[in-house]
Amino acid sequence: MTYIKGHLRETQDFVHAKLLTVDDGKVLFGSHNLTISGVNTDTQEIVFFKQ
């Protein structure tokens, strides 16, 4: 859990990660941040792909 304190508000963000593997060795890993209320609030999606 990451605690972020801003000028106008305070929020706690949780990181949701997912991992997908395919039989031929392809791997996709991604994560995105959601606030504690479960609403997407202008956070960035991170994706890594290995072939």
PDB file of N, CA and C in Angstrom:
ATOM      1  N   MET A   1       0.847  -1.185   0.000  1.00  0.00           N
ATOM      2  CA  MET A   1       0.000   0.000   0.000  1.00  0.00           C
ATOM      3  C   MET A   1       0.887   1.241   0.000  1.00  0.00           C
ATOM      4  N   THR A   2       0.564   2.188  -0.860  1.00  0.00           N
ATOM      5  CA  THR A   2       1.299   3.446  -0.933  1.00  0.00           C
ATOM      6  C   THR A   2       0.409   4.564  -0.421  1.00  0.00           C
ATOM      7  N   TYR A   3       0.939   5.373   0.482  1.00  0.00           N
ATOM      8  CA  TYR A   3       0.176   6.493   1.030  1.00  0.00           C
ATOM      9  C   TYR A   3       0.634   7.769   0.345  1.00  0.00           C
ATOM     10  N   ILE A   4      -0.288   8.501  -0.244  1.00  0.00           N
ATOM     11  CA  ILE A   4       0.033   9.716  -0.988  1.00  0.00           C
ATOM     12  C   ILE A   4      -0.647  10.902  -0.315  1.00  0.00           C
ATOM     13  N   LYS A   5       0.125  11.942  -0.020  1.00  0.00           N
ATOM     14  CA  LYS A   5      -0.448  13.155   0.564  1.00  0.00           C
ATOM     15  C   LYS A   5      -0.269  14.291  -0.429  1.00  0.00           C
ATOM     16  N   GLY A   6      -1.359  14.897  -0.847  1.00  0.00           N
ATOM     17  CA  GLY A   6      -1.300  15.978  -1.819  1.00  0.00           C
ATOM     18  C   GLY A   6      -1.690  17.301  -1.181  1.00  0.00           C
ATOM     19  N   HIS A   7      -1.689  18.345  -1.996  1.00  0.00           N
ATOM     20  CA  HIS A   7      -2.040  19.670  -1.506  1.00  0.00           C
ATOM     21  C   HIS A   7      -3.531  19.778  -1.196  1.00  0.00           C
ATOM     22  N   LEU A   8      -4.367  19.085  -1.973  1.00  0.00           N
ATOM     23  CA  LEU A   8      -5.808  19.226  -1.820  1.00  0.00           C
ATOM     24  C   LEU A   8      -6.470  18.039  -1.136  1.00  0.00           C
ATOM     25  N   ARG A   9      -5.829  16.871  -1.187  1.00  0.00           N
ATOM     26  CA  ARG A   9      -6.493  15.696  -0.643  1.00  0.00           C
ATOM     27  C   ARG A   9      -5.465  14.639  -0.255  1.00  0.00           C
ATOM     28  N   GLU A  10      -5.915  13.673   0.512  1.00  0.00           N
ATOM     29  CA  GLU A  10      -5.096  12.527   0.875  1.00  0.00           C
ATOM     30  C   GLU A  10      -5.806  11.273   0.394  1.00  0.00           C
ATOM     31  N   THR A  11      -5.061  10.323  -0.136  1.00  0.00           N
ATOM     32  CA  THR A  11      -5.674   9.099  -0.636  1.00  0.00           C
ATOM     33  C   THR A  11      -4.725   7.931  -0.438  1.00  0.00           C
ATOM     34  N   GLN A  12      -5.281   6.737  -0.335  1.00  0.00           N
ATOM     35  CA  GLN A  12      -4.483   5.521  -0.264  1.00  0.00           C
ATOM     36  C   GLN A  12      -4.724   4.742  -1.543  1.00  0.00           C
ATOM     37  N   ASP A  13      -3.655   4.393  -2.250  1.00  0.00           N
ATOM     38  CA  ASP A  13      -3.766   3.654  -3.504  1.00  0.00           C
ATOM     39  C   ASP A  13      -3.301   2.217  -3.307  1.00  0.00           C
ATOM     40  N   PHE A  14      -4.014   1.292  -3.897  1.00  0.00           N
ATOM     41  CA  PHE A  14      -3.647  -0.111  -3.878  1.00  0.00           C
ATOM     42  C   PHE A  14      -3.221  -0.520  -5.279  1.00  0.00           C
ATOM     43  N   VAL A  15      -2.241  -1.380  -5.379  1.00  0.00           N
ATOM     44  CA  VAL A  15      -1.765  -1.851  -6.678  1.00  0.00           C
ATOM     45  C   VAL A  15      -2.401  -3.198  -6.974  1.00  0.00           C
ATOM     46  N   HIS A  16      -3.039  -3.303  -8.137  1.00  0.00           N
ATOM     47  CA  HIS A  16      -3.643  -4.552  -8.597  1.00  0.00           C
ATOM     48  C   HIS A  16      -2.746  -5.072  -9.707  1.00  0.00           C
ATOM     49  N   ALA A  17      -2.209  -6.265  -9.543  1.00  0.00           N
ATOM     50  CA  ALA A  17      -1.294  -6.825 -10.549  1.00  0.00           C
ATOM     51  C   ALA A  17      -1.894  -8.072 -11.164  1.00  0.00           C
ATOM     52  N   LYS A  18      -1.580  -8.312 -12.439  1.00  0.00           N
ATOM     53  CA  LYS A  18      -2.049  -9.515 -13.116  1.00  0.00           C
ATOM     54  C   LYS A  18      -0.909 -10.097 -13.943  1.00  0.00           C
ATOM     55  N   LEU A  19      -0.874 -11.402 -14.045  1.00  0.00           N
ATOM     56  CA  LEU A  19       0.177 -12.091 -14.790  1.00  0.00           C
ATOM     57  C   LEU A  19      -0.461 -13.133 -15.684  1.00  0.00           C
ATOM     58  N   LEU A  20      -0.114 -13.118 -16.978  1.00  0.00           N
ATOM     59  CA  LEU A  20      -0.656 -14.059 -17.951  1.00  0.00           C
ATOM     60  C   LEU A  20       0.499 -14.770 -18.633  1.00  0.00           C
ATOM     61  N   THR A  21       0.491 -16.093 -18.589  1.00  0.00           N
ATOM     62  CA  THR A  21       1.504 -16.876 -19.305  1.00  0.00           C
ATOM     63  C   THR A  21       0.804 -17.728 -20.351  1.00  0.00           C
ATOM     64  N   VAL A  22       1.457 -17.878 -21.503  1.00  0.00           N
ATOM     65  CA  VAL A  22       0.913 -18.647 -22.615  1.00  0.00           C
ATOM     66  C   VAL A  22       1.841 -19.830 -22.863  1.00  0.00           C
ATOM     67  N   ASP A  23       1.295 -20.926 -23.361  1.00  0.00           N
ATOM     68  CA  ASP A  23       2.050 -22.167 -23.529  1.00  0.00           C
ATOM     69  C   ASP A  23       3.357 -22.010 -24.301  1.00  0.00           C
ATOM     70  N   ASP A  24       3.391 -21.143 -25.302  1.00  0.00           N
ATOM     71  CA  ASP A  24       4.614 -21.017 -26.105  1.00  0.00           C
ATOM     72  C   ASP A  24       5.638 -20.064 -25.487  1.00  0.00           C
ATOM     73  N   GLY A  25       5.446 -19.662 -24.245  1.00  0.00           N
ATOM     74  CA  GLY A  25       6.452 -18.882 -23.536  1.00  0.00           C
ATOM     75  C   GLY A  25       6.230 -17.385 -23.527  1.00  0.00           C
ATOM     76  N   LYS A  26       5.126 -16.902 -24.078  1.00  0.00           N
ATOM     77  CA  LYS A  26       4.846 -15.476 -24.041  1.00  0.00           C
ATOM     78  C   LYS A  26       4.335 -15.105 -22.652  1.00  0.00           C
ATOM     79  N   VAL A  27       4.803 -13.969 -22.151  1.00  0.00           N
ATOM     80  CA  VAL A  27       4.421 -13.540 -20.805  1.00  0.00           C
ATOM     81  C   VAL A  27       3.934 -12.103 -20.865  1.00  0.00           C
ATOM     82  N   LEU A  28       2.821 -11.832 -20.209  1.00  0.00           N
ATOM     83  CA  LEU A  28       2.284 -10.477 -20.109  1.00  0.00           C
ATOM     84  C   LEU A  28       2.050 -10.166 -18.643  1.00  0.00           C
ATOM     85  N   PHE A  29       2.684  -9.107 -18.146  1.00  0.00           N
ATOM     86  CA  PHE A  29       2.494  -8.677 -16.768  1.00  0.00           C
ATOM     87  C   PHE A  29       1.996  -7.252 -16.779  1.00  0.00           C
ATOM     88  N   GLY A  30       0.962  -6.970 -16.036  1.00  0.00           N
ATOM     89  CA  GLY A  30       0.440  -5.615 -15.992  1.00  0.00           C
ATOM     90  C   GLY A  30      -0.067  -5.269 -14.611  1.00  0.00           C
ATOM     91  N   SER A  31      -0.145  -3.988 -14.323  1.00  0.00           N
ATOM     92  CA  SER A  31      -0.680  -3.549 -13.040  1.00  0.00           C
ATOM     93  C   SER A  31      -1.363  -2.207 -13.235  1.00  0.00           C
ATOM     94  N   HIS A  32      -2.290  -1.902 -12.378  1.00  0.00           N
ATOM     95  CA  HIS A  32      -2.891  -0.579 -12.373  1.00  0.00           C
ATOM     96  C   HIS A  32      -3.291  -0.234 -10.951  1.00  0.00           C
ATOM     97  N   ASN A  33      -3.354   1.036 -10.679  1.00  0.00           N
ATOM     98  CA  ASN A  33      -3.676   1.505  -9.335  1.00  0.00           C
ATOM     99  C   ASN A  33      -5.152   1.861  -9.246  1.00  0.00           C
ATOM    100  N   LEU A  34      -5.785   1.427  -8.190  1.00  0.00           N
ATOM    101  CA  LEU A  34      -7.171   1.782  -7.909  1.00  0.00           C
ATOM    102  C   LEU A  34      -7.234   2.385  -6.517  1.00  0.00           C
ATOM    103  N   THR A  35      -8.060   3.380  -6.336  1.00  0.00           N
ATOM    104  CA  THR A  35      -8.214   3.949  -5.005  1.00  0.00           C
ATOM    105  C   THR A  35      -8.989   2.991  -4.125  1.00  0.00           C
ATOM    106  N   ILE A  36      -9.019   3.265  -2.849  1.00  0.00           N
ATOM    107  CA  ILE A  36      -9.690   2.380  -1.899  1.00  0.00           C
ATOM    108  C   ILE A  36     -11.181   2.246  -2.218  1.00  0.00           C
ATOM    109  N   SER A  37     -11.759   3.244  -2.911  1.00  0.00           N
ATOM    110  CA  SER A  37     -13.171   3.172  -3.279  1.00  0.00           C
ATOM    111  C   SER A  37     -13.399   2.327  -4.526  1.00  0.00           C
ATOM    112  N   GLY A  38     -12.311   1.908  -5.206  1.00  0.00           N
ATOM    113  CA  GLY A  38     -12.438   1.076  -6.400  1.00  0.00           C
ATOM    114  C   GLY A  38     -12.673   1.864  -7.672  1.00  0.00           C
ATOM    115  N   VAL A  39     -12.451   3.159  -7.641  1.00  0.00           N
ATOM    116  CA  VAL A  39     -12.670   4.003  -8.814  1.00  0.00           C
ATOM    117  C   VAL A  39     -11.321   4.363  -9.424  1.00  0.00           C
ATOM    118  N   ASN A  40     -11.207   4.276 -10.736  1.00  0.00           N
ATOM    119  CA  ASN A  40      -9.977   4.649 -11.429  1.00  0.00           C
ATOM    120  C   ASN A  40      -9.826   6.164 -11.399  1.00  0.00           C
ATOM    121  N   THR A  41      -8.698   6.666 -10.901  1.00  0.00           N
ATOM    122  CA  THR A  41      -8.525   8.116 -10.786  1.00  0.00           C
ATOM    123  C   THR A  41      -7.224   8.566 -11.427  1.00  0.00           C
ATOM    124  N   ASP A  42      -7.191   8.579 -12.753  1.00  0.00           N
ATOM    125  CA  ASP A  42      -6.059   9.122 -13.511  1.00  0.00           C
ATOM    126  C   ASP A  42      -4.723   8.490 -13.133  1.00  0.00           C
ATOM    127  N   THR A  43      -4.711   7.202 -12.849  1.00  0.00           N
ATOM    128  CA  THR A  43      -3.455   6.518 -12.575  1.00  0.00           C
ATOM    129  C   THR A  43      -2.945   5.876 -13.852  1.00  0.00           C
ATOM    130  N   GLN A  44      -1.690   5.481 -13.861  1.00  0.00           N
ATOM    131  CA  GLN A  44      -1.083   4.941 -15.065  1.00  0.00           C
ATOM    132  C   GLN A  44      -1.121   3.423 -15.063  1.00  0.00           C
ATOM    133  N   GLU A  45      -1.295   2.873 -16.240  1.00  0.00           N
ATOM    134  CA  GLU A  45      -1.234   1.422 -16.447  1.00  0.00           C
ATOM    135  C   GLU A  45       0.198   1.065 -16.826  1.00  0.00           C
ATOM    136  N   ILE A  46       0.745   0.019 -16.198  1.00  0.00           N
ATOM    137  CA  ILE A  46       2.101  -0.442 -16.488  1.00  0.00           C
ATOM    138  C   ILE A  46       2.005  -1.843 -17.068  1.00  0.00           C
ATOM    139  N   VAL A  47       2.589  -2.055 -18.241  1.00  0.00           N
ATOM    140  CA  VAL A  47       2.517  -3.366 -18.888  1.00  0.00           C
ATOM    141  C   VAL A  47       3.901  -3.752 -19.403  1.00  0.00           C
ATOM    142  N   PHE A  48       4.297  -4.995 -19.135  1.00  0.00           N
ATOM    143  CA  PHE A  48       5.538  -5.562 -19.670  1.00  0.00           C
ATOM    144  C   PHE A  48       5.168  -6.774 -20.512  1.00  0.00           C
ATOM    145  N   PHE A  49       5.775  -6.903 -21.674  1.00  0.00           N
ATOM    146  CA  PHE A  49       5.504  -8.045 -22.547  1.00  0.00           C
ATOM    147  C   PHE A  49       6.818  -8.677 -22.957  1.00  0.00           C
ATOM    148  N   LYS A  50       6.962  -9.978 -22.722  1.00  0.00           N
ATOM    149  CA  LYS A  50       8.168 -10.710 -23.116  1.00  0.00           C
ATOM    150  C   LYS A  50       7.770 -11.817 -24.068  1.00  0.00           C
ATOM    151  N   GLN A  51       8.481 -11.908 -25.198  1.00  0.00           N
ATOM    152  CA  GLN A  51       8.158 -12.919 -26.198  1.00  0.00           C
ATOM    153  C   GLN A  51       9.278 -13.915 -26.315  1.00  0.00           C
TER     154      GLN A  51
END
